[in-house]
Amino acid sequence: AALNRDVVARVRPVWMELMALPRA
């Protein structure tokens, strides 16, 4: 759980940026 929290914290900003882009 601790590792998953660390990974998600690192990845979440990139994920949010990616999801804001048009699907293409």
mmCIF file of all heavy atoms, coordinates in Angstrom:
data_MODEL
# 
_entry.id   MODEL 
# 
loop_
_atom_site.group_PDB 
_atom_site.id 
_atom_site.type_symbol 
_atom_site.label_atom_id 
_atom_site.label_alt_id 
_atom_site.label_comp_id 
_atom_site.label_asym_id 
_atom_site.label_entity_id 
_atom_site.label_seq_id 
_atom_site.pdbx_PDB_ins_code 
_atom_site.Cartn_x 
_atom_site.Cartn_y 
_atom_site.Cartn_z 
_atom_site.occupancy 
_atom_site.B_iso_or_equiv 
_atom_site.pdbx_formal_charge 
_atom_site.auth_seq_id 
_atom_site.auth_comp_id 
_atom_site.auth_asym_id 
_atom_site.auth_atom_id 
_atom_site.pdbx_PDB_model_num 
ATOM 1   N N   . ALA A 1 1  ? 0.836   -1.204 0.000   1.00 0.00 ? 1  ALA A N   1 
ATOM 2   C CA  . ALA A 1 1  ? 0.000   0.000  0.000   1.00 0.00 ? 1  ALA A CA  1 
ATOM 3   C C   . ALA A 1 1  ? 0.869   1.252  0.000   1.00 0.00 ? 1  ALA A C   1 
ATOM 4   O O   . ALA A 1 1  ? 0.572   2.225  -0.700  1.00 0.00 ? 1  ALA A O   1 
ATOM 5   C CB  . ALA A 1 1  ? -0.936  -0.015 1.207   1.00 0.00 ? 1  ALA A CB  1 
ATOM 6   N N   . ALA A 1 2  ? 1.969   1.236  0.756   1.00 0.00 ? 2  ALA A N   1 
ATOM 7   C CA  . ALA A 1 2  ? 2.857   2.398  0.815   1.00 0.00 ? 2  ALA A CA  1 
ATOM 8   C C   . ALA A 1 2  ? 3.514   2.646  -0.542  1.00 0.00 ? 2  ALA A C   1 
ATOM 9   O O   . ALA A 1 2  ? 3.595   3.792  -0.995  1.00 0.00 ? 2  ALA A O   1 
ATOM 10  C CB  . ALA A 1 2  ? 3.921   2.205  1.891   1.00 0.00 ? 2  ALA A CB  1 
ATOM 11  N N   . LEU A 1 3  ? 3.976   1.594  -1.186  1.00 0.00 ? 3  LEU A N   1 
ATOM 12  C CA  . LEU A 1 3  ? 4.580   1.734  -2.508  1.00 0.00 ? 3  LEU A CA  1 
ATOM 13  C C   . LEU A 1 3  ? 3.553   2.254  -3.506  1.00 0.00 ? 3  LEU A C   1 
ATOM 14  O O   . LEU A 1 3  ? 3.848   3.161  -4.282  1.00 0.00 ? 3  LEU A O   1 
ATOM 15  C CB  . LEU A 1 3  ? 5.148   0.395  -2.989  1.00 0.00 ? 3  LEU A CB  1 
ATOM 16  C CG  . LEU A 1 3  ? 5.704   0.388  -4.416  1.00 0.00 ? 3  LEU A CG  1 
ATOM 17  C CD1 . LEU A 1 3  ? 6.887   1.340  -4.535  1.00 0.00 ? 3  LEU A CD1 1 
ATOM 18  C CD2 . LEU A 1 3  ? 6.086   -1.010 -4.828  1.00 0.00 ? 3  LEU A CD2 1 
ATOM 19  N N   . ASN A 1 4  ? 2.356   1.702  -3.486  1.00 0.00 ? 4  ASN A N   1 
ATOM 20  C CA  . ASN A 1 4  ? 1.309   2.155  -4.398  1.00 0.00 ? 4  ASN A CA  1 
ATOM 21  C C   . ASN A 1 4  ? 0.990   3.629  -4.182  1.00 0.00 ? 4  ASN A C   1 
ATOM 22  O O   . ASN A 1 4  ? 0.797   4.362  -5.154  1.00 0.00 ? 4  ASN A O   1 
ATOM 23  C CB  . ASN A 1 4  ? 0.053   1.301  -4.251  1.00 0.00 ? 4  ASN A CB  1 
ATOM 24  C CG  . ASN A 1 4  ? 0.207   -0.068 -4.885  1.00 0.00 ? 4  ASN A CG  1 
ATOM 25  O OD1 . ASN A 1 4  ? 1.053   -0.272 -5.744  1.00 0.00 ? 4  ASN A OD1 1 
ATOM 26  N ND2 . ASN A 1 4  ? -0.611  -1.009 -4.457  1.00 0.00 ? 4  ASN A ND2 1 
ATOM 27  N N   . ARG A 1 5  ? 0.942   4.083  -2.933  1.00 0.00 ? 5  ARG A N   1 
ATOM 28  C CA  . ARG A 1 5  ? 0.690   5.508  -2.657  1.00 0.00 ? 5  ARG A CA  1 
ATOM 29  C C   . ARG A 1 5  ? 1.798   6.367  -3.239  1.00 0.00 ? 5  ARG A C   1 
ATOM 30  O O   . ARG A 1 5  ? 1.533   7.405  -3.839  1.00 0.00 ? 5  ARG A O   1 
ATOM 31  C CB  . ARG A 1 5  ? 0.565   5.758  -1.147  1.00 0.00 ? 5  ARG A CB  1 
ATOM 32  C CG  . ARG A 1 5  ? -0.779  5.408  -0.567  1.00 0.00 ? 5  ARG A CG  1 
ATOM 33  C CD  . ARG A 1 5  ? -0.930  5.920  0.855   1.00 0.00 ? 5  ARG A CD  1 
ATOM 34  N NE  . ARG A 1 5  ? 0.095   5.431  1.757   1.00 0.00 ? 5  ARG A NE  1 
ATOM 35  C CZ  . ARG A 1 5  ? 0.028   4.273  2.416   1.00 0.00 ? 5  ARG A CZ  1 
ATOM 36  N NH1 . ARG A 1 5  ? -1.026  3.495  2.282   1.00 0.00 ? 5  ARG A NH1 1 
ATOM 37  N NH2 . ARG A 1 5  ? 1.006   3.903  3.212   1.00 0.00 ? 5  ARG A NH2 1 
ATOM 38  N N   . ASP A 1 6  ? 3.040   5.939  -3.094  1.00 0.00 ? 6  ASP A N   1 
ATOM 39  C CA  . ASP A 1 6  ? 4.174   6.698  -3.635  1.00 0.00 ? 6  ASP A CA  1 
ATOM 40  C C   . ASP A 1 6  ? 4.121   6.769  -5.158  1.00 0.00 ? 6  ASP A C   1 
ATOM 41  O O   . ASP A 1 6  ? 4.354   7.823  -5.748  1.00 0.00 ? 6  ASP A O   1 
ATOM 42  C CB  . ASP A 1 6  ? 5.505   6.081  -3.201  1.00 0.00 ? 6  ASP A CB  1 
ATOM 43  C CG  . ASP A 1 6  ? 5.792   6.268  -1.720  1.00 0.00 ? 6  ASP A CG  1 
ATOM 44  O OD1 . ASP A 1 6  ? 5.152   7.142  -1.082  1.00 0.00 ? 6  ASP A OD1 1 
ATOM 45  O OD2 . ASP A 1 6  ? 6.643   5.538  -1.199  1.00 0.00 ? 6  ASP A OD2 1 
ATOM 46  N N   . VAL A 1 7  ? 3.820   5.649  -5.784  1.00 0.00 ? 7  VAL A N   1 
ATOM 47  C CA  . VAL A 1 7  ? 3.755   5.611  -7.244  1.00 0.00 ? 7  VAL A CA  1 
ATOM 48  C C   . VAL A 1 7  ? 2.611   6.489  -7.745  1.00 0.00 ? 7  VAL A C   1 
ATOM 49  O O   . VAL A 1 7  ? 2.786   7.290  -8.667  1.00 0.00 ? 7  VAL A O   1 
ATOM 50  C CB  . VAL A 1 7  ? 3.612   4.157  -7.751  1.00 0.00 ? 7  VAL A CB  1 
ATOM 51  C CG1 . VAL A 1 7  ? 3.278   4.127  -9.234  1.00 0.00 ? 7  VAL A CG1 1 
ATOM 52  C CG2 . VAL A 1 7  ? 4.880   3.378  -7.457  1.00 0.00 ? 7  VAL A CG2 1 
ATOM 53  N N   . VAL A 1 8  ? 1.454   6.366  -7.146  1.00 0.00 ? 8  VAL A N   1 
ATOM 54  C CA  . VAL A 1 8  ? 0.301   7.165  -7.567  1.00 0.00 ? 8  VAL A CA  1 
ATOM 55  C C   . VAL A 1 8  ? 0.586   8.645  -7.362  1.00 0.00 ? 8  VAL A C   1 
ATOM 56  O O   . VAL A 1 8  ? 0.250   9.475  -8.213  1.00 0.00 ? 8  VAL A O   1 
ATOM 57  C CB  . VAL A 1 8  ? -0.987  6.714  -6.841  1.00 0.00 ? 8  VAL A CB  1 
ATOM 58  C CG1 . VAL A 1 8  ? -2.115  7.712  -7.051  1.00 0.00 ? 8  VAL A CG1 1 
ATOM 59  C CG2 . VAL A 1 8  ? -1.404  5.335  -7.321  1.00 0.00 ? 8  VAL A CG2 1 
ATOM 60  N N   . ALA A 1 9  ? 1.248   9.016  -6.270  1.00 0.00 ? 9  ALA A N   1 
ATOM 61  C CA  . ALA A 1 9  ? 1.579   10.429 -6.025  1.00 0.00 ? 9  ALA A CA  1 
ATOM 62  C C   . ALA A 1 9  ? 2.508   10.959 -7.118  1.00 0.00 ? 9  ALA A C   1 
ATOM 63  O O   . ALA A 1 9  ? 2.375   12.107 -7.558  1.00 0.00 ? 9  ALA A O   1 
ATOM 64  C CB  . ALA A 1 9  ? 2.221   10.591 -4.655  1.00 0.00 ? 9  ALA A CB  1 
ATOM 65  N N   . ARG A 1 10 ? 3.423   10.143 -7.585  1.00 0.00 ? 10 ARG A N   1 
ATOM 66  C CA  . ARG A 1 10 ? 4.360   10.557 -8.644  1.00 0.00 ? 10 ARG A CA  1 
ATOM 67  C C   . ARG A 1 10 ? 3.675   10.626 -10.007 1.00 0.00 ? 10 ARG A C   1 
ATOM 68  O O   . ARG A 1 10 ? 3.958   11.503 -10.821 1.00 0.00 ? 10 ARG A O   1 
ATOM 69  C CB  . ARG A 1 10 ? 5.520   9.571  -8.691  1.00 0.00 ? 10 ARG A CB  1 
ATOM 70  C CG  . ARG A 1 10 ? 6.537   9.895  -9.735  1.00 0.00 ? 10 ARG A CG  1 
ATOM 71  C CD  . ARG A 1 10 ? 7.714   8.933  -9.660  1.00 0.00 ? 10 ARG A CD  1 
ATOM 72  N NE  . ARG A 1 10 ? 8.352   8.921  -10.960 1.00 0.00 ? 10 ARG A NE  1 
ATOM 73  C CZ  . ARG A 1 10 ? 8.786   7.860  -11.576 1.00 0.00 ? 10 ARG A CZ  1 
ATOM 74  N NH1 . ARG A 1 10 ? 8.676   6.689  -11.007 1.00 0.00 ? 10 ARG A NH1 1 
ATOM 75  N NH2 . ARG A 1 10 ? 9.351   7.942  -12.745 1.00 0.00 ? 10 ARG A NH2 1 
ATOM 76  N N   . VAL A 1 11 ? 2.765   9.711  -10.250 1.00 0.00 ? 11 VAL A N   1 
ATOM 77  C CA  . VAL A 1 11 ? 2.146   9.576  -11.563 1.00 0.00 ? 11 VAL A CA  1 
ATOM 78  C C   . VAL A 1 11 ? 0.914   10.473 -11.725 1.00 0.00 ? 11 VAL A C   1 
ATOM 79  O O   . VAL A 1 11 ? 0.617   10.921 -12.833 1.00 0.00 ? 11 VAL A O   1 
ATOM 80  C CB  . VAL A 1 11 ? 1.780   8.092  -11.806 1.00 0.00 ? 11 VAL A CB  1 
ATOM 81  C CG1 . VAL A 1 11 ? 0.960   7.911  -13.056 1.00 0.00 ? 11 VAL A CG1 1 
ATOM 82  C CG2 . VAL A 1 11 ? 3.037   7.252  -11.867 1.00 0.00 ? 11 VAL A CG2 1 
ATOM 83  N N   . ARG A 1 12 ? 0.212   10.770 -10.650 1.00 0.00 ? 12 ARG A N   1 
ATOM 84  C CA  . ARG A 1 12 ? -1.058  11.497 -10.749 1.00 0.00 ? 12 ARG A CA  1 
ATOM 85  C C   . ARG A 1 12 ? -0.953  12.810 -11.532 1.00 0.00 ? 12 ARG A C   1 
ATOM 86  O O   . ARG A 1 12 ? -1.804  13.067 -12.391 1.00 0.00 ? 12 ARG A O   1 
ATOM 87  C CB  . ARG A 1 12 ? -1.669  11.756 -9.375  1.00 0.00 ? 12 ARG A CB  1 
ATOM 88  C CG  . ARG A 1 12 ? -3.049  12.424 -9.509  1.00 0.00 ? 12 ARG A CG  1 
ATOM 89  C CD  . ARG A 1 12 ? -3.885  12.357 -8.269  1.00 0.00 ? 12 ARG A CD  1 
ATOM 90  N NE  . ARG A 1 12 ? -4.095  11.044 -7.715  1.00 0.00 ? 12 ARG A NE  1 
ATOM 91  C CZ  . ARG A 1 12 ? -4.936  10.123 -8.200  1.00 0.00 ? 12 ARG A CZ  1 
ATOM 92  N NH1 . ARG A 1 12 ? -5.617  10.361 -9.283  1.00 0.00 ? 12 ARG A NH1 1 
ATOM 93  N NH2 . ARG A 1 12 ? -5.077  8.957  -7.608  1.00 0.00 ? 12 ARG A NH2 1 
ATOM 94  N N   . PRO A 1 13 ? 0.059   13.671 -11.326 1.00 0.00 ? 13 PRO A N   1 
ATOM 95  C CA  . PRO A 1 13 ? 0.117   14.912 -12.111 1.00 0.00 ? 13 PRO A CA  1 
ATOM 96  C C   . PRO A 1 13 ? 0.214   14.656 -13.619 1.00 0.00 ? 13 PRO A C   1 
ATOM 97  O O   . PRO A 1 13 ? -0.418  15.349 -14.420 1.00 0.00 ? 13 PRO A O   1 
ATOM 98  C CB  . PRO A 1 13 ? 1.369   15.618 -11.598 1.00 0.00 ? 13 PRO A CB  1 
ATOM 99  C CG  . PRO A 1 13 ? 1.639   15.029 -10.270 1.00 0.00 ? 13 PRO A CG  1 
ATOM 100 C CD  . PRO A 1 13 ? 1.123   13.621 -10.318 1.00 0.00 ? 13 PRO A CD  1 
ATOM 101 N N   . VAL A 1 14 ? 0.979   13.652 -14.004 1.00 0.00 ? 14 VAL A N   1 
ATOM 102 C CA  . VAL A 1 14 ? 1.105   13.305 -15.421 1.00 0.00 ? 14 VAL A CA  1 
ATOM 103 C C   . VAL A 1 14 ? -0.219  12.760 -15.935 1.00 0.00 ? 14 VAL A C   1 
ATOM 104 O O   . VAL A 1 14 ? -0.661  13.090 -17.036 1.00 0.00 ? 14 VAL A O   1 
ATOM 105 C CB  . VAL A 1 14 ? 2.245   12.286 -15.636 1.00 0.00 ? 14 VAL A CB  1 
ATOM 106 C CG1 . VAL A 1 14 ? 2.317   11.827 -17.082 1.00 0.00 ? 14 VAL A CG1 1 
ATOM 107 C CG2 . VAL A 1 14 ? 3.564   12.879 -15.183 1.00 0.00 ? 14 VAL A CG2 1 
ATOM 108 N N   . TRP A 1 15 ? -0.872  11.951 -15.117 1.00 0.00 ? 15 TRP A N   1 
ATOM 109 C CA  . TRP A 1 15 ? -2.162  11.377 -15.496 1.00 0.00 ? 15 TRP A CA  1 
ATOM 110 C C   . TRP A 1 15 ? -3.206  12.474 -15.708 1.00 0.00 ? 15 TRP A C   1 
ATOM 111 O O   . TRP A 1 15 ? -3.947  12.448 -16.699 1.00 0.00 ? 15 TRP A O   1 
ATOM 112 C CB  . TRP A 1 15 ? -2.630  10.409 -14.407 1.00 0.00 ? 15 TRP A CB  1 
ATOM 113 C CG  . TRP A 1 15 ? -3.851  9.642  -14.785 1.00 0.00 ? 15 TRP A CG  1 
ATOM 114 C CD1 . TRP A 1 15 ? -5.126  9.868  -14.370 1.00 0.00 ? 15 TRP A CD1 1 
ATOM 115 C CD2 . TRP A 1 15 ? -3.921  8.530  -15.668 1.00 0.00 ? 15 TRP A CD2 1 
ATOM 116 N NE1 . TRP A 1 15 ? -5.973  8.960  -14.931 1.00 0.00 ? 15 TRP A NE1 1 
ATOM 117 C CE2 . TRP A 1 15 ? -5.259  8.127  -15.736 1.00 0.00 ? 15 TRP A CE2 1 
ATOM 118 C CE3 . TRP A 1 15 ? -2.975  7.832  -16.412 1.00 0.00 ? 15 TRP A CE3 1 
ATOM 119 C CZ2 . TRP A 1 15 ? -5.679  7.057  -16.518 1.00 0.00 ? 15 TRP A CZ2 1 
ATOM 120 C CZ3 . TRP A 1 15 ? -3.401  6.776  -17.180 1.00 0.00 ? 15 TRP A CZ3 1 
ATOM 121 C CH2 . TRP A 1 15 ? -4.732  6.397  -17.228 1.00 0.00 ? 15 TRP A CH2 1 
ATOM 122 N N   . MET A 1 16 ? -3.242  13.438 -14.814 1.00 0.00 ? 16 MET A N   1 
ATOM 123 C CA  . MET A 1 16 ? -4.215  14.529 -14.929 1.00 0.00 ? 16 MET A CA  1 
ATOM 124 C C   . MET A 1 16 ? -3.956  15.339 -16.201 1.00 0.00 ? 16 MET A C   1 
ATOM 125 O O   . MET A 1 16 ? -4.896  15.718 -16.900 1.00 0.00 ? 16 MET A O   1 
ATOM 126 C CB  . MET A 1 16 ? -4.169  15.422 -13.690 1.00 0.00 ? 16 MET A CB  1 
ATOM 127 C CG  . MET A 1 16 ? -4.537  14.711 -12.401 1.00 0.00 ? 16 MET A CG  1 
ATOM 128 S SD  . MET A 1 16 ? -6.162  13.950 -12.410 1.00 0.00 ? 16 MET A SD  1 
ATOM 129 C CE  . MET A 1 16 ? -7.177  15.394 -12.410 1.00 0.00 ? 16 MET A CE  1 
ATOM 130 N N   . GLU A 1 17 ? -2.694  15.598 -16.498 1.00 0.00 ? 17 GLU A N   1 
ATOM 131 C CA  . GLU A 1 17 ? -2.345  16.320 -17.722 1.00 0.00 ? 17 GLU A CA  1 
ATOM 132 C C   . GLU A 1 17 ? -2.758  15.516 -18.953 1.00 0.00 ? 17 GLU A C   1 
ATOM 133 O O   . GLU A 1 17 ? -3.332  16.054 -19.903 1.00 0.00 ? 17 GLU A O   1 
ATOM 134 C CB  . GLU A 1 17 ? -0.843  16.593 -17.763 1.00 0.00 ? 17 GLU A CB  1 
ATOM 135 C CG  . GLU A 1 17 ? -0.381  17.300 -19.013 1.00 0.00 ? 17 GLU A CG  1 
ATOM 136 C CD  . GLU A 1 17 ? 1.123   17.434 -19.083 1.00 0.00 ? 17 GLU A CD  1 
ATOM 137 O OE1 . GLU A 1 17 ? 1.776   17.527 -18.025 1.00 0.00 ? 17 GLU A OE1 1 
ATOM 138 O OE2 . GLU A 1 17 ? 1.645   17.446 -20.204 1.00 0.00 ? 17 GLU A OE2 1 
ATOM 139 N N   . LEU A 1 18 ? -2.471  14.220 -18.934 1.00 0.00 ? 18 LEU A N   1 
ATOM 140 C CA  . LEU A 1 18 ? -2.828  13.347 -20.046 1.00 0.00 ? 18 LEU A CA  1 
ATOM 141 C C   . LEU A 1 18 ? -4.342  13.337 -20.258 1.00 0.00 ? 18 LEU A C   1 
ATOM 142 O O   . LEU A 1 18 ? -4.819  13.469 -21.391 1.00 0.00 ? 18 LEU A O   1 
ATOM 143 C CB  . LEU A 1 18 ? -2.317  11.926 -19.790 1.00 0.00 ? 18 LEU A CB  1 
ATOM 144 C CG  . LEU A 1 18 ? -2.633  10.886 -20.854 1.00 0.00 ? 18 LEU A CG  1 
ATOM 145 C CD1 . LEU A 1 18 ? -1.857  11.175 -22.133 1.00 0.00 ? 18 LEU A CD1 1 
ATOM 146 C CD2 . LEU A 1 18 ? -2.324  9.495  -20.341 1.00 0.00 ? 18 LEU A CD2 1 
ATOM 147 N N   . MET A 1 19 ? -5.103  13.208 -19.197 1.00 0.00 ? 19 MET A N   1 
ATOM 148 C CA  . MET A 1 19 ? -6.555  13.120 -19.309 1.00 0.00 ? 19 MET A CA  1 
ATOM 149 C C   . MET A 1 19 ? -7.178  14.432 -19.781 1.00 0.00 ? 19 MET A C   1 
ATOM 150 O O   . MET A 1 19 ? -8.291  14.436 -20.317 1.00 0.00 ? 19 MET A O   1 
ATOM 151 C CB  . MET A 1 19 ? -7.171  12.670 -17.981 1.00 0.00 ? 19 MET A CB  1 
ATOM 152 C CG  . MET A 1 19 ? -6.725  11.273 -17.551 1.00 0.00 ? 19 MET A CG  1 
ATOM 153 S SD  . MET A 1 19 ? -6.849  10.002 -18.831 1.00 0.00 ? 19 MET A SD  1 
ATOM 154 C CE  . MET A 1 19 ? -8.598  9.869  -19.012 1.00 0.00 ? 19 MET A CE  1 
ATOM 155 N N   . ALA A 1 20 ? -6.471  15.552 -19.610 1.00 0.00 ? 20 ALA A N   1 
ATOM 156 C CA  . ALA A 1 20 ? -6.980  16.852 -20.057 1.00 0.00 ? 20 ALA A CA  1 
ATOM 157 C C   . ALA A 1 20 ? -6.800  17.050 -21.563 1.00 0.00 ? 20 ALA A C   1 
ATOM 158 O O   . ALA A 1 20 ? -7.411  17.942 -22.150 1.00 0.00 ? 20 ALA A O   1 
ATOM 159 C CB  . ALA A 1 20 ? -6.281  17.974 -19.296 1.00 0.00 ? 20 ALA A CB  1 
ATOM 160 N N   . LEU A 1 21 ? -5.986  16.218 -22.182 1.00 0.00 ? 21 LEU A N   1 
ATOM 161 C CA  . LEU A 1 21 ? -5.736  16.331 -23.625 1.00 0.00 ? 21 LEU A CA  1 
ATOM 162 C C   . LEU A 1 21 ? -6.900  15.737 -24.415 1.00 0.00 ? 21 LEU A C   1 
ATOM 163 O O   . LEU A 1 21 ? -7.619  14.869 -23.913 1.00 0.00 ? 21 LEU A O   1 
ATOM 164 C CB  . LEU A 1 21 ? -4.453  15.576 -23.995 1.00 0.00 ? 21 LEU A CB  1 
ATOM 165 C CG  . LEU A 1 21 ? -3.149  16.109 -23.436 1.00 0.00 ? 21 LEU A CG  1 
ATOM 166 C CD1 . LEU A 1 21 ? -2.020  15.132 -23.742 1.00 0.00 ? 21 LEU A CD1 1 
ATOM 167 C CD2 . LEU A 1 21 ? -2.849  17.485 -23.986 1.00 0.00 ? 21 LEU A CD2 1 
ATOM 168 N N   . PRO A 1 22 ? -7.048  16.160 -25.669 1.00 0.00 ? 22 PRO A N   1 
ATOM 169 C CA  . PRO A 1 22 ? -8.026  15.492 -26.532 1.00 0.00 ? 22 PRO A CA  1 
ATOM 170 C C   . PRO A 1 22 ? -7.658  14.011 -26.685 1.00 0.00 ? 22 PRO A C   1 
ATOM 171 O O   . PRO A 1 22 ? -6.483  13.633 -26.612 1.00 0.00 ? 22 PRO A O   1 
ATOM 172 C CB  . PRO A 1 22 ? -7.884  16.213 -27.874 1.00 0.00 ? 22 PRO A CB  1 
ATOM 173 C CG  . PRO A 1 22 ? -7.206  17.511 -27.566 1.00 0.00 ? 22 PRO A CG  1 
ATOM 174 C CD  . PRO A 1 22 ? -6.364  17.263 -26.350 1.00 0.00 ? 22 PRO A CD  1 
ATOM 175 N N   . ARG A 1 23 ? -8.659  13.194 -26.906 1.00 0.00 ? 23 ARG A N   1 
ATOM 176 C CA  . ARG A 1 23 ? -8.460  11.737 -26.981 1.00 0.00 ? 23 ARG A CA  1 
ATOM 177 C C   . ARG A 1 23 ? -7.354  11.351 -27.977 1.00 0.00 ? 23 ARG A C   1 
ATOM 178 O O   . ARG A 1 23 ? -6.535  10.476 -27.687 1.00 0.00 ? 23 ARG A O   1 
ATOM 179 C CB  . ARG A 1 23 ? -9.785  11.073 -27.387 1.00 0.00 ? 23 ARG A CB  1 
ATOM 180 C CG  . ARG A 1 23 ? -9.724  9.582  -27.464 1.00 0.00 ? 23 ARG A CG  1 
ATOM 181 C CD  . ARG A 1 23 ? -10.083 8.980  -26.168 1.00 0.00 ? 23 ARG A CD  1 
ATOM 182 N NE  . ARG A 1 23 ? -10.184 7.531  -26.302 1.00 0.00 ? 23 ARG A NE  1 
ATOM 183 C CZ  . ARG A 1 23 ? -10.054 6.729  -25.290 1.00 0.00 ? 23 ARG A CZ  1 
ATOM 184 N NH1 . ARG A 1 23 ? -9.864  7.227  -24.101 1.00 0.00 ? 23 ARG A NH1 1 
ATOM 185 N NH2 . ARG A 1 23 ? -10.137 5.439  -25.444 1.00 0.00 ? 23 ARG A NH2 1 
ATOM 186 N N   . ALA A 1 24 ? -7.314  12.008 -29.125 1.00 0.00 ? 24 ALA A N   1 
ATOM 187 C CA  . ALA A 1 24 ? -6.297  11.677 -30.129 1.00 0.00 ? 24 ALA A CA  1 
ATOM 188 C C   . ALA A 1 24 ? -4.889  11.914 -29.592 1.00 0.00 ? 24 ALA A C   1 
ATOM 189 O O   . ALA A 1 24 ? -3.982  11.102 -29.811 1.00 0.00 ? 24 ALA A O   1 
ATOM 190 C CB  . ALA A 1 24 ? -6.516  12.478 -31.412 1.00 0.00 ? 24 ALA A CB  1 
# 
